[in-house]
């Protein structure tokens, strides 16, 4: 009995999550999968998620969704404390974020919320919540990732937030949700490359001001780390000390088939968090240890097929609007930033 207790204690102490100090922070990204409220917005295409729709999306289901999103994010730090910075995709509006930070365990601390206002065909956007005791919002803007010259397809804007940390760091945070592969990977690839170029152009402007700028790029990219949009256009790879390139810790996780989506019968990383070289060996402030990148692959967010035994993300809805009361079709990703 005594040995069992000691083993449990040692596991907690040696776990990369439990070894956090009070000054370290967790940065997470989560594609929530259709995080809509229940109110009809005449300016949005939200009819699918209303009480009178086929999905019968009502207040009870919306409340469940709030609690489940909060549970996932809370689990990135094993309930010790909440993540200090979270990017989210597939949210309808800022009101959804406000409910998340006021009607769940996030209400125990003060969080700020930002949401884009793009013209996505499905009326979904990206957002960011941040711990106001750790960060002050200096500025935010939206980058238009839609190539208006190519066709009428509209995608989500990219969110850029400048956050000033209490330790003095100025951090540039980009939250992305690039065009899907709905029309096929190759047919839709140009749309993602265009989004990558818009993002890269902005990053280059930041590097002109400060070559050691601390930049975090997170999102659902609908491309893998080794696809051209990320590897060549965005210039994100697994190389350390590569001038002006981003370091992508999910490159190796993807190679190891530790994915965030179960796509074409395999696990791959659509969802990723990347950092600039300024986080690798800074003189002060936050730094990133390349081992501290994770995917929340827990049983409670998974569905196990009774016939095959395979696990896939436990979704909110299945085919024919069947309500599963699940979490999302994506898994959450997160990193830890230590303090030098």
C-alpha atoms as a PDB file:
ATOM      1  CA  UNK A   1       0.000   0.000   0.000  1.00  0.00           C
ATOM      2  CA  UNK A   2       2.774   2.432   0.967  1.00  0.00           C
ATOM      3  CA  UNK A   3       4.698   1.651  -2.241  1.00  0.00           C
ATOM      4  CA  UNK A   4       1.580   2.395  -4.311  1.00  0.00           C
ATOM      5  CA  UNK A   5       1.114   5.777  -2.685  1.00  0.00           C
ATOM      6  CA  UNK A   6       4.796   6.647  -3.236  1.00  0.00           C
ATOM      7  CA  UNK A   7       4.565   5.610  -6.891  1.00  0.00           C
ATOM      8  CA  UNK A   8       1.550   7.869  -7.442  1.00  0.00           C
ATOM      9  CA  UNK A   9       3.281  10.813  -5.795  1.00  0.00           C
ATOM     10  CA  UNK A  10       6.433  10.286  -7.855  1.00  0.00           C
ATOM     11  CA  UNK A  11       4.361  10.101 -11.046  1.00  0.00           C
ATOM     12  CA  UNK A  12       2.816  13.475 -10.273  1.00  0.00           C
ATOM     13  CA  UNK A  13       6.181  15.030  -9.453  1.00  0.00           C
ATOM     14  CA  UNK A  14       7.909  13.717 -12.562  1.00  0.00           C
ATOM     15  CA  UNK A  15       5.050  14.340 -14.973  1.00  0.00           C
ATOM     16  CA  UNK A  16       5.867  17.206 -17.399  1.00  0.00           C
ATOM     17  CA  UNK A  17       2.521  18.749 -16.532  1.00  0.00           C
ATOM     18  CA  UNK A  18       2.841  18.503 -12.761  1.00  0.00           C
ATOM     19  CA  UNK A  19       6.387  19.866 -12.798  1.00  0.00           C
ATOM     20  CA  UNK A  20       5.102  23.303 -13.736  1.00  0.00           C
ATOM     21  CA  UNK A  21       6.029  26.226 -11.549  1.00  0.00           C
ATOM     22  CA  UNK A  22       3.616  29.043 -10.816  1.00  0.00           C
ATOM     23  CA  UNK A  23       5.392  31.232 -13.383  1.00  0.00           C
ATOM     24  CA  UNK A  24       5.200  28.779 -16.290  1.00  0.00           C
ATOM     25  CA  UNK A  25       2.218  29.012 -18.591  1.00  0.00           C
ATOM     26  CA  UNK A  26       0.173  26.705 -20.796  1.00  0.00           C
ATOM     27  CA  UNK A  27      -0.845  27.725 -24.313  1.00  0.00           C
ATOM     28  CA  UNK A  28      -3.604  25.634 -25.899  1.00  0.00           C
ATOM     29  CA  UNK A  29      -5.529  25.426 -29.146  1.00  0.00           C
ATOM     30  CA  UNK A  30      -8.825  23.620 -29.647  1.00  0.00           C
ATOM     31  CA  UNK A  31     -11.124  23.248 -32.621  1.00  0.00           C
ATOM     32  CA  UNK A  32     -14.396  22.947 -30.705  1.00  0.00           C
ATOM     33  CA  UNK A  33     -16.450  21.709 -33.678  1.00  0.00           C
ATOM     34  CA  UNK A  34     -19.494  23.888 -34.284  1.00  0.00           C
ATOM     35  CA  UNK A  35     -19.567  25.892 -31.048  1.00  0.00           C
ATOM     36  CA  UNK A  36     -22.796  27.806 -31.694  1.00  0.00           C
ATOM     37  CA  UNK A  37     -25.162  29.556 -29.323  1.00  0.00           C
ATOM     38  CA  UNK A  38     -28.938  29.019 -29.647  1.00  0.00           C
ATOM     39  CA  UNK A  39     -29.906  32.514 -30.800  1.00  0.00           C
ATOM     40  CA  UNK A  40     -30.848  33.182 -34.405  1.00  0.00           C
ATOM     41  CA  UNK A  41     -28.543  35.769 -35.949  1.00  0.00           C
ATOM     42  CA  UNK A  42     -29.986  37.097 -39.238  1.00  0.00           C
ATOM     43  CA  UNK A  43     -26.457  38.101 -40.312  1.00  0.00           C
ATOM     44  CA  UNK A  44     -25.111  34.538 -39.948  1.00  0.00           C
ATOM     45  CA  UNK A  45     -25.861  31.170 -41.475  1.00  0.00           C
ATOM     46  CA  UNK A  46     -26.656  29.581 -38.117  1.00  0.00           C
ATOM     47  CA  UNK A  47     -30.010  27.931 -38.902  1.00  0.00           C
ATOM     48  CA  UNK A  48     -28.553  24.449 -38.413  1.00  0.00           C
ATOM     49  CA  UNK A  49     -27.891  25.218 -34.745  1.00  0.00           C
ATOM     50  CA  UNK A  50     -31.214  26.506 -33.462  1.00  0.00           C
ATOM     51  CA  UNK A  51     -33.869  24.880 -31.228  1.00  0.00           C
ATOM     52  CA  UNK A  52     -36.226  24.422 -34.195  1.00  0.00           C
ATOM     53  CA  UNK A  53     -33.545  22.886 -36.471  1.00  0.00           C
ATOM     54  CA  UNK A  54     -33.129  19.165 -37.202  1.00  0.00           C
ATOM     55  CA  UNK A  55     -30.334  19.128 -34.627  1.00  0.00           C
ATOM     56  CA  UNK A  56     -32.701  20.640 -32.009  1.00  0.00           C
ATOM     57  CA  UNK A  57     -29.792  22.686 -30.671  1.00  0.00           C
ATOM     58  CA  UNK A  58     -31.239  24.043 -27.406  1.00  0.00           C
ATOM     59  CA  UNK A  59     -29.982  25.584 -24.179  1.00  0.00           C
ATOM     60  CA  UNK A  60     -29.408  22.219 -22.509  1.00  0.00           C
ATOM     61  CA  UNK A  61     -27.169  21.000 -25.335  1.00  0.00           C
ATOM     62  CA  UNK A  62     -25.401  24.351 -25.474  1.00  0.00           C
ATOM     63  CA  UNK A  63     -24.736  24.134 -21.721  1.00  0.00           C
ATOM     64  CA  UNK A  64     -23.276  20.638 -22.178  1.00  0.00           C
ATOM     65  CA  UNK A  65     -21.035  21.964 -24.932  1.00  0.00           C
ATOM     66  CA  UNK A  66     -19.742  24.780 -22.712  1.00  0.00           C
ATOM     67  CA  UNK A  67     -18.896  22.361 -19.924  1.00  0.00           C
ATOM     68  CA  UNK A  68     -17.183  19.892 -22.246  1.00  0.00           C
ATOM     69  CA  UNK A  69     -15.010  22.519 -23.916  1.00  0.00           C
ATOM     70  CA  UNK A  70     -14.015  23.786 -20.467  1.00  0.00           C
ATOM     71  CA  UNK A  71     -13.281  20.222 -19.300  1.00  0.00           C
ATOM     72  CA  UNK A  72     -10.919  19.642 -22.223  1.00  0.00           C
ATOM     73  CA  UNK A  73      -9.040  22.898 -21.666  1.00  0.00           C
ATOM     74  CA  UNK A  74      -8.899  22.324 -17.913  1.00  0.00           C
ATOM     75  CA  UNK A  75      -7.377  18.886 -18.562  1.00  0.00           C
ATOM     76  CA  UNK A  76      -4.348  20.374 -20.338  1.00  0.00           C
ATOM     77  CA  UNK A  77      -2.931  21.125 -16.888  1.00  0.00           C
ATOM     78  CA  UNK A  78      -4.589  18.266 -14.986  1.00  0.00           C
ATOM     79  CA  UNK A  79      -6.863  20.682 -13.136  1.00  0.00           C
ATOM     80  CA  UNK A  80      -3.973  22.363 -11.286  1.00  0.00           C
ATOM     81  CA  UNK A  81      -4.848  25.622 -12.965  1.00  0.00           C
ATOM     82  CA  UNK A  82      -6.385  26.704 -16.241  1.00  0.00           C
ATOM     83  CA  UNK A  83      -4.352  27.410 -19.389  1.00  0.00           C
ATOM     84  CA  UNK A  84      -3.294  31.037 -19.564  1.00  0.00           C
ATOM     85  CA  UNK A  85      -3.817  31.401 -23.315  1.00  0.00           C
ATOM     86  CA  UNK A  86      -6.263  29.491 -25.520  1.00  0.00           C
ATOM     87  CA  UNK A  87      -6.979  29.771 -29.229  1.00  0.00           C
ATOM     88  CA  UNK A  88     -10.309  28.343 -30.393  1.00  0.00           C
ATOM     89  CA  UNK A  89     -11.767  27.509 -33.790  1.00  0.00           C
ATOM     90  CA  UNK A  90     -15.323  26.944 -35.019  1.00  0.00           C
ATOM     91  CA  UNK A  91     -16.915  29.406 -32.622  1.00  0.00           C
ATOM     92  CA  UNK A  92     -19.921  31.424 -33.725  1.00  0.00           C
ATOM     93  CA  UNK A  93     -19.255  34.714 -31.972  1.00  0.00           C
ATOM     94  CA  UNK A  94     -17.720  36.506 -29.011  1.00  0.00           C
ATOM     95  CA  UNK A  95     -20.797  35.766 -26.893  1.00  0.00           C
ATOM     96  CA  UNK A  96     -19.859  32.075 -26.937  1.00  0.00           C
ATOM     97  CA  UNK A  97     -16.417  32.944 -25.583  1.00  0.00           C
ATOM     98  CA  UNK A  98     -17.956  35.168 -22.912  1.00  0.00           C
ATOM     99  CA  UNK A  99     -20.168  32.286 -21.789  1.00  0.00           C
ATOM    100  CA  UNK A 100     -17.123  30.004 -21.678  1.00  0.00           C
ATOM    101  CA  UNK A 101     -15.211  32.346 -19.357  1.00  0.00           C
ATOM    102  CA  UNK A 102     -18.179  33.291 -17.145  1.00  0.00           C
ATOM    103  CA  UNK A 103     -20.266  30.101 -16.876  1.00  0.00           C
ATOM    104  CA  UNK A 104     -17.597  27.409 -16.417  1.00  0.00           C
ATOM    105  CA  UNK A 105     -14.556  26.974 -14.172  1.00  0.00           C
ATOM    106  CA  UNK A 106     -12.888  29.763 -16.159  1.00  0.00           C
ATOM    107  CA  UNK A 107     -14.987  32.202 -14.118  1.00  0.00           C
ATOM    108  CA  UNK A 108     -12.639  31.667 -11.181  1.00  0.00           C
ATOM    109  CA  UNK A 109     -10.074  33.914 -12.892  1.00  0.00           C
ATOM    110  CA  UNK A 110     -10.394  36.982 -15.079  1.00  0.00           C
ATOM    111  CA  UNK A 111     -10.059  36.199 -18.778  1.00  0.00           C
ATOM    112  CA  UNK A 112     -10.221  38.483 -21.765  1.00  0.00           C
ATOM    113  CA  UNK A 113     -11.836  37.351 -25.021  1.00  0.00           C
ATOM    114  CA  UNK A 114     -11.328  38.282 -28.680  1.00  0.00           C
ATOM    115  CA  UNK A 115     -13.210  36.929 -31.688  1.00  0.00           C
ATOM    116  CA  UNK A 116     -12.887  37.477 -35.431  1.00  0.00           C
ATOM    117  CA  UNK A 117     -15.787  38.652 -37.587  1.00  0.00           C
ATOM    118  CA  UNK A 118     -15.061  37.021 -40.926  1.00  0.00           C
ATOM    119  CA  UNK A 119     -17.399  35.987 -43.724  1.00  0.00           C
ATOM    120  CA  UNK A 120     -16.993  32.239 -43.525  1.00  0.00           C
ATOM    121  CA  UNK A 121     -19.716  30.338 -45.379  1.00  0.00           C
ATOM    122  CA  UNK A 122     -20.545  28.314 -42.254  1.00  0.00           C
ATOM    123  CA  UNK A 123     -20.527  31.374 -39.988  1.00  0.00           C
ATOM    124  CA  UNK A 124     -17.698  30.098 -37.822  1.00  0.00           C
ATOM    125  CA  UNK A 125     -14.761  32.156 -36.610  1.00  0.00           C
ATOM    126  CA  UNK A 126     -11.651  31.914 -34.446  1.00  0.00           C
ATOM    127  CA  UNK A 127     -11.063  33.424 -31.042  1.00  0.00           C
ATOM    128  CA  UNK A 128      -8.612  33.843 -28.203  1.00  0.00           C
ATOM    129  CA  UNK A 129      -9.041  33.917 -24.454  1.00  0.00           C
ATOM    130  CA  UNK A 130      -6.193  34.987 -22.172  1.00  0.00           C
ATOM    131  CA  UNK A 131      -5.528  35.290 -18.452  1.00  0.00           C
ATOM    132  CA  UNK A 132      -5.685  39.006 -17.644  1.00  0.00           C
ATOM    133  CA  UNK A 133      -3.529  38.513 -14.547  1.00  0.00           C
ATOM    134  CA  UNK A 134      -0.697  37.363 -16.856  1.00  0.00           C
ATOM    135  CA  UNK A 135      -1.268  39.389 -20.017  1.00  0.00           C
ATOM    136  CA  UNK A 136      -2.444  42.795 -21.157  1.00  0.00           C
ATOM    137  CA  UNK A 137      -3.925  43.165 -24.621  1.00  0.00           C
ATOM    138  CA  UNK A 138      -2.011  45.844 -26.513  1.00  0.00           C
ATOM    139  CA  UNK A 139      -3.573  45.498 -29.955  1.00  0.00           C
ATOM    140  CA  UNK A 140      -5.433  43.050 -32.149  1.00  0.00           C
ATOM    141  CA  UNK A 141      -6.401  42.872 -35.787  1.00  0.00           C
ATOM    142  CA  UNK A 142      -7.800  40.494 -38.392  1.00  0.00           C
ATOM    143  CA  UNK A 143      -5.976  39.327 -41.505  1.00  0.00           C
ATOM    144  CA  UNK A 144      -8.154  38.541 -44.521  1.00  0.00           C
ATOM    145  CA  UNK A 145      -7.167  35.016 -45.608  1.00  0.00           C
ATOM    146  CA  UNK A 146      -9.655  34.865 -48.488  1.00  0.00           C
ATOM    147  CA  UNK A 147      -8.255  35.202 -51.986  1.00  0.00           C
ATOM    148  CA  UNK A 148     -10.961  37.445 -53.397  1.00  0.00           C
ATOM    149  CA  UNK A 149      -9.423  37.260 -56.881  1.00  0.00           C
ATOM    150  CA  UNK A 150      -9.786  33.471 -57.222  1.00  0.00           C
ATOM    151  CA  UNK A 151     -13.429  32.608 -56.499  1.00  0.00           C
ATOM    152  CA  UNK A 152     -16.354  33.348 -54.216  1.00  0.00           C
ATOM    153  CA  UNK A 153     -15.197  30.993 -51.477  1.00  0.00           C
ATOM    154  CA  UNK A 154     -14.932  32.777 -48.119  1.00  0.00           C
ATOM    155  CA  UNK A 155     -12.774  31.540 -45.264  1.00  0.00           C
ATOM    156  CA  UNK A 156     -12.031  32.578 -41.719  1.00  0.00           C
ATOM    157  CA  UNK A 157      -9.915  35.619 -40.974  1.00  0.00           C
ATOM    158  CA  UNK A 158      -6.637  35.118 -39.113  1.00  0.00           C
ATOM    159  CA  UNK A 159      -6.573  36.704 -35.669  1.00  0.00           C
ATOM    160  CA  UNK A 160      -3.452  38.567 -34.507  1.00  0.00           C
ATOM    161  CA  UNK A 161      -3.233  39.665 -30.874  1.00  0.00           C
ATOM    162  CA  UNK A 162      -0.312  41.501 -29.280  1.00  0.00           C
ATOM    163  CA  UNK A 163      -0.088  40.565 -25.613  1.00  0.00           C
ATOM    164  CA  UNK A 164       2.235  42.130 -23.047  1.00  0.00           C
ATOM    165  CA  UNK A 165       3.226  39.705 -20.319  1.00  0.00           C
ATOM    166  CA  UNK A 166       3.773  40.674 -16.705  1.00  0.00           C
ATOM    167  CA  UNK A 167       7.404  39.562 -17.147  1.00  0.00           C
ATOM    168  CA  UNK A 168       7.885  42.151 -19.902  1.00  0.00           C
ATOM    169  CA  UNK A 169       7.567  39.897 -22.955  1.00  0.00           C
ATOM    170  CA  UNK A 170       5.661  41.224 -25.959  1.00  0.00           C
ATOM    171  CA  UNK A 171       4.094  38.192 -27.628  1.00  0.00           C
ATOM    172  CA  UNK A 172       2.475  38.129 -31.062  1.00  0.00           C
ATOM    173  CA  UNK A 173      -0.257  35.478 -31.179  1.00  0.00           C
ATOM    174  CA  UNK A 174      -1.834  34.279 -34.433  1.00  0.00           C
ATOM    175  CA  UNK A 175      -4.967  32.090 -34.363  1.00  0.00           C
ATOM    176  CA  UNK A 176      -5.803  30.310 -37.618  1.00  0.00           C
ATOM    177  CA  UNK A 177      -8.422  28.110 -39.230  1.00  0.00           C
ATOM    178  CA  UNK A 178      -7.389  27.616 -42.829  1.00  0.00           C
ATOM    179  CA  UNK A 179      -9.698  26.482 -45.682  1.00  0.00           C
ATOM    180  CA  UNK A 180     -10.864  22.883 -45.446  1.00  0.00           C
ATOM    181  CA  UNK A 181     -10.224  19.951 -47.759  1.00  0.00           C
ATOM    182  CA  UNK A 182     -13.913  19.688 -48.515  1.00  0.00           C
ATOM    183  CA  UNK A 183     -13.291  19.814 -52.285  1.00  0.00           C
ATOM    184  CA  UNK A 184     -10.280  17.490 -52.093  1.00  0.00           C
ATOM    185  CA  UNK A 185      -6.735  18.083 -50.872  1.00  0.00           C
ATOM    186  CA  UNK A 186      -5.204  19.091 -54.202  1.00  0.00           C
ATOM    187  CA  UNK A 187      -8.169  21.119 -55.432  1.00  0.00           C
ATOM    188  CA  UNK A 188      -8.294  23.158 -52.232  1.00  0.00           C
ATOM    189  CA  UNK A 189      -4.526  23.408 -51.621  1.00  0.00           C
ATOM    190  CA  UNK A 190      -4.161  26.835 -53.278  1.00  0.00           C
ATOM    191  CA  UNK A 191      -6.555  28.330 -50.727  1.00  0.00           C
ATOM    192  CA  UNK A 192      -4.413  27.161 -47.830  1.00  0.00           C
ATOM    193  CA  UNK A 193      -1.211  28.298 -49.499  1.00  0.00           C
ATOM    194  CA  UNK A 194      -2.793  31.732 -49.944  1.00  0.00           C
ATOM    195  CA  UNK A 195      -3.682  31.854 -46.218  1.00  0.00           C
ATOM    196  CA  UNK A 196      -0.144  30.761 -45.369  1.00  0.00           C
ATOM    197  CA  UNK A 197       1.304  33.556 -47.496  1.00  0.00           C
ATOM    198  CA  UNK A 198      -0.906  36.184 -45.835  1.00  0.00           C
ATOM    199  CA  UNK A 199       0.295  34.964 -42.455  1.00  0.00           C
ATOM    200  CA  UNK A 200       3.946  34.768 -43.524  1.00  0.00           C
ATOM    201  CA  UNK A 201       3.863  38.301 -44.922  1.00  0.00           C
ATOM    202  CA  UNK A 202       2.713  39.613 -41.547  1.00  0.00           C
ATOM    203  CA  UNK A 203       5.350  37.601 -39.703  1.00  0.00           C
ATOM    204  CA  UNK A 204       8.069  39.007 -41.973  1.00  0.00           C
ATOM    205  CA  UNK A 205       6.939  42.539 -41.113  1.00  0.00           C
ATOM    206  CA  UNK A 206       7.266  41.711 -37.419  1.00  0.00           C
ATOM    207  CA  UNK A 207      10.760  40.275 -37.929  1.00  0.00           C
ATOM    208  CA  UNK A 208      11.801  43.479 -39.690  1.00  0.00           C
ATOM    209  CA  UNK A 209      10.958  45.360 -36.504  1.00  0.00           C
ATOM    210  CA  UNK A 210      12.527  42.744 -34.221  1.00  0.00           C
ATOM    211  CA  UNK A 211      14.481  39.743 -35.469  1.00  0.00           C
ATOM    212  CA  UNK A 212      14.080  38.100 -32.043  1.00  0.00           C
ATOM    213  CA  UNK A 213      10.335  38.686 -31.777  1.00  0.00           C
ATOM    214  CA  UNK A 214       8.356  36.138 -29.780  1.00  0.00           C
ATOM    215  CA  UNK A 215       5.617  34.774 -32.010  1.00  0.00           C
ATOM    216  CA  UNK A 216       3.090  31.999 -31.431  1.00  0.00           C
ATOM    217  CA  UNK A 217       1.198  30.578 -34.406  1.00  0.00           C
ATOM    218  CA  UNK A 218      -1.618  28.178 -33.580  1.00  0.00           C
ATOM    219  CA  UNK A 219      -4.591  26.756 -35.374  1.00  0.00           C
ATOM    220  CA  UNK A 220      -6.377  24.133 -37.389  1.00  0.00           C
ATOM    221  CA  UNK A 221      -4.458  24.377 -40.647  1.00  0.00           C
ATOM    222  CA  UNK A 222      -6.269  21.589 -42.507  1.00  0.00           C
ATOM    223  CA  UNK A 223      -2.781  20.644 -43.670  1.00  0.00           C
ATOM    224  CA  UNK A 224      -0.089  18.512 -42.086  1.00  0.00           C
ATOM    225  CA  UNK A 225       3.290  19.825 -40.894  1.00  0.00           C
ATOM    226  CA  UNK A 226       5.011  18.449 -43.995  1.00  0.00           C
ATOM    227  CA  UNK A 227       2.564  19.968 -46.505  1.00  0.00           C
ATOM    228  CA  UNK A 228       3.843  22.770 -48.720  1.00  0.00           C
ATOM    229  CA  UNK A 229       1.630  25.453 -47.163  1.00  0.00           C
ATOM    230  CA  UNK A 230       3.288  25.010 -43.773  1.00  0.00           C
ATOM    231  CA  UNK A 231       6.738  23.730 -44.655  1.00  0.00           C
ATOM    232  CA  UNK A 232       7.516  25.983 -47.627  1.00  0.00           C
ATOM    233  CA  UNK A 233       5.165  28.980 -47.585  1.00  0.00           C
ATOM    234  CA  UNK A 234       4.864  29.544 -43.840  1.00  0.00           C
ATOM    235  CA  UNK A 235       8.448  28.302 -43.329  1.00  0.00           C
ATOM    236  CA  UNK A 236       7.669  26.267 -40.234  1.00  0.00           C
ATOM    237  CA  UNK A 237       9.738  23.142 -39.620  1.00  0.00           C
ATOM    238  CA  UNK A 238      11.535  21.130 -36.959  1.00  0.00           C
ATOM    239  CA  UNK A 239      14.875  22.904 -37.342  1.00  0.00           C
ATOM    240  CA  UNK A 240      16.285  24.805 -34.363  1.00  0.00           C
ATOM    241  CA  UNK A 241      18.102  28.114 -34.744  1.00  0.00           C
ATOM    242  CA  UNK A 242      16.885  28.504 -38.314  1.00  0.00           C
ATOM    243  CA  UNK A 243      16.779  32.270 -38.894  1.00  0.00           C
ATOM    244  CA  UNK A 244      13.264  33.664 -39.352  1.00  0.00           C
ATOM    245  CA  UNK A 245      11.757  30.177 -39.596  1.00  0.00           C
ATOM    246  CA  UNK A 246       9.170  28.975 -37.126  1.00  0.00           C
ATOM    247  CA  UNK A 247       9.807  25.915 -34.990  1.00  0.00           C
ATOM    248  CA  UNK A 248       6.992  23.363 -35.223  1.00  0.00           C
ATOM    249  CA  UNK A 249       7.129  20.719 -32.453  1.00  0.00           C
ATOM    250  CA  UNK A 250       4.142  18.950 -33.992  1.00  0.00           C
ATOM    251  CA  UNK A 251       6.207  18.016 -37.045  1.00  0.00           C
ATOM    252  CA  UNK A 252       7.733  15.077 -35.189  1.00  0.00           C
ATOM    253  CA  UNK A 253       4.509  14.189 -33.377  1.00  0.00           C
ATOM    254  CA  UNK A 254       2.811  13.960 -36.771  1.00  0.00           C
ATOM    255  CA  UNK A 255       5.622  11.749 -38.092  1.00  0.00           C
ATOM    256  CA  UNK A 256       5.025   9.504 -35.079  1.00  0.00           C
ATOM    257  CA  UNK A 257       1.306   9.309 -36.030  1.00  0.00           C
ATOM    258  CA  UNK A 258       0.265  11.123 -32.877  1.00  0.00           C
ATOM    259  CA  UNK A 259      -2.447  13.120 -34.577  1.00  0.00           C
ATOM    260  CA  UNK A 260      -5.310  15.407 -33.700  1.00  0.00           C
ATOM    261  CA  UNK A 261      -7.740  14.090 -36.331  1.00  0.00           C
ATOM    262  CA  UNK A 262      -8.486  10.581 -37.557  1.00  0.00           C
ATOM    263  CA  UNK A 263      -8.442  11.168 -41.305  1.00  0.00           C
ATOM    264  CA  UNK A 264      -8.203   8.565 -44.074  1.00  0.00           C
ATOM    265  CA  UNK A 265      -7.923   5.865 -41.422  1.00  0.00           C
ATOM    266  CA  UNK A 266      -4.821   7.365 -39.770  1.00  0.00           C
ATOM    267  CA  UNK A 267      -3.941   9.883 -37.093  1.00  0.00           C
ATOM    268  CA  UNK A 268      -2.440  13.129 -38.421  1.00  0.00           C
ATOM    269  CA  UNK A 269      -1.903  16.666 -37.087  1.00  0.00           C
ATOM    270  CA  UNK A 270      -4.178  19.270 -38.597  1.00  0.00           C
ATOM    271  CA  UNK A 271      -3.928  21.192 -35.317  1.00  0.00           C
ATOM    272  CA  UNK A 272      -0.539  22.644 -34.410  1.00  0.00           C
ATOM    273  CA  UNK A 273       1.216  25.278 -32.315  1.00  0.00           C
ATOM    274  CA  UNK A 274       4.447  26.806 -33.617  1.00  0.00           C
ATOM    275  CA  UNK A 275       6.850  29.298 -32.068  1.00  0.00           C
ATOM    276  CA  UNK A 276       9.468  31.685 -33.377  1.00  0.00           C
ATOM    277  CA  UNK A 277      13.152  31.163 -32.677  1.00  0.00           C
ATOM    278  CA  UNK A 278      12.886  33.951 -30.102  1.00  0.00           C
ATOM    279  CA  UNK A 279      11.309  31.398 -27.744  1.00  0.00           C
ATOM    280  CA  UNK A 280      14.067  28.810 -28.176  1.00  0.00           C
ATOM    281  CA  UNK A 281      17.045  30.526 -26.526  1.00  0.00           C
ATOM    282  CA  UNK A 282      15.900  33.898 -25.200  1.00  0.00           C
ATOM    283  CA  UNK A 283      17.938  36.055 -22.871  1.00  0.00           C
ATOM    284  CA  UNK A 284      14.966  36.410 -20.548  1.00  0.00           C
ATOM    285  CA  UNK A 285      11.248  35.815 -20.230  1.00  0.00           C
ATOM    286  CA  UNK A 286       9.337  32.848 -21.596  1.00  0.00           C
ATOM    287  CA  UNK A 287      11.153  30.080 -23.440  1.00  0.00           C
ATOM    288  CA  UNK A 288      10.057  26.859 -25.084  1.00  0.00           C
ATOM    289  CA  UNK A 289      11.556  23.475 -24.297  1.00  0.00           C
ATOM    290  CA  UNK A 290      11.062  21.400 -27.451  1.00  0.00           C
ATOM    291  CA  UNK A 291       9.807  18.447 -25.397  1.00  0.00           C
ATOM    292  CA  UNK A 292       6.872  20.414 -24.026  1.00  0.00           C
ATOM    293  CA  UNK A 293       4.352  19.971 -26.845  1.00  0.00           C
ATOM    294  CA  UNK A 294       1.350  17.728 -26.257  1.00  0.00           C
ATOM    295  CA  UNK A 295      -1.879  16.335 -27.709  1.00  0.00           C
ATOM    296  CA  UNK A 296      -4.748  15.703 -25.292  1.00  0.00           C
ATOM    297  CA  UNK A 297      -5.407  12.094 -26.262  1.00  0.00           C
ATOM    298  CA  UNK A 298      -7.513  11.052 -23.261  1.00  0.00           C
ATOM    299  CA  UNK A 299     -10.149   8.327 -23.083  1.00  0.00           C
ATOM    300  CA  UNK A 300     -12.909  10.748 -22.138  1.00  0.00           C
ATOM    301  CA  UNK A 301     -12.657  12.613 -25.471  1.00  0.00           C
ATOM    302  CA  UNK A 302     -12.566   9.400 -27.507  1.00  0.00           C
ATOM    303  CA  UNK A 303     -15.151   7.070 -29.011  1.00  0.00           C
ATOM    304  CA  UNK A 304     -14.252   3.387 -29.291  1.00  0.00           C
ATOM    305  CA  UNK A 305     -15.740   1.447 -32.183  1.00  0.00           C
ATOM    306  CA  UNK A 306     -17.203  -1.757 -30.773  1.00  0.00           C
ATOM    307  CA  UNK A 307     -16.486  -3.736 -33.933  1.00  0.00           C
ATOM    308  CA  UNK A 308     -12.976  -2.580 -34.807  1.00  0.00           C
ATOM    309  CA  UNK A 309     -11.760  -1.394 -31.415  1.00  0.00           C
ATOM    310  CA  UNK A 310     -10.393   1.778 -33.039  1.00  0.00           C
ATOM    311  CA  UNK A 311     -10.617   5.051 -31.162  1.00  0.00           C
ATOM    312  CA  UNK A 312     -11.709   8.253 -32.851  1.00  0.00           C
ATOM    313  CA  UNK A 313     -12.611  11.690 -31.453  1.00  0.00           C
ATOM    314  CA  UNK A 314     -15.997  11.688 -29.723  1.00  0.00           C
ATOM    315  CA  UNK A 315     -18.076  14.209 -31.667  1.00  0.00           C
ATOM    316  CA  UNK A 316     -21.071  16.271 -30.581  1.00  0.00           C
ATOM    317  CA  UNK A 317     -23.137  15.003 -33.517  1.00  0.00           C
ATOM    318  CA  UNK A 318     -22.880  12.016 -35.822  1.00  0.00           C
ATOM    319  CA  UNK A 319     -24.526  11.140 -39.131  1.00  0.00           C
ATOM    320  CA  UNK A 320     -28.187  12.068 -39.647  1.00  0.00           C
ATOM    321  CA  UNK A 321     -28.001  14.643 -36.837  1.00  0.00           C
ATOM    322  CA  UNK A 322     -27.642  11.955 -34.180  1.00  0.00           C
ATOM    323  CA  UNK A 323     -26.696  13.642 -30.901  1.00  0.00           C
ATOM    324  CA  UNK A 324     -23.705  12.011 -29.190  1.00  0.00           C
ATOM    325  CA  UNK A 325     -23.175  14.680 -26.517  1.00  0.00           C
ATOM    326  CA  UNK A 326     -19.473  14.401 -27.249  1.00  0.00           C
ATOM    327  CA  UNK A 327     -16.622  16.881 -27.495  1.00  0.00           C
ATOM    328  CA  UNK A 328     -15.212  17.533 -30.969  1.00  0.00           C
ATOM    329  CA  UNK A 329     -13.897  15.839 -34.101  1.00  0.00           C
ATOM    330  CA  UNK A 330     -10.473  17.289 -33.228  1.00  0.00           C
ATOM    331  CA  UNK A 331      -8.172  16.775 -30.260  1.00  0.00           C
ATOM    332  CA  UNK A 332      -6.761  19.689 -28.303  1.00  0.00           C
ATOM    333  CA  UNK A 333      -3.081  20.630 -28.606  1.00  0.00           C
ATOM    334  CA  UNK A 334      -1.023  22.555 -26.075  1.00  0.00           C
ATOM    335  CA  UNK A 335       2.489  23.630 -25.172  1.00  0.00           C
ATOM    336  CA  UNK A 336       4.161  24.775 -21.998  1.00  0.00           C
ATOM    337  CA  UNK A 337       6.296  27.878 -21.827  1.00  0.00           C
ATOM    338  CA  UNK A 338       8.841  28.021 -19.038  1.00  0.00           C
ATOM    339  CA  UNK A 339      10.434  31.127 -17.553  1.00  0.00           C
ATOM    340  CA  UNK A 340      14.148  31.786 -17.863  1.00  0.00           C
END
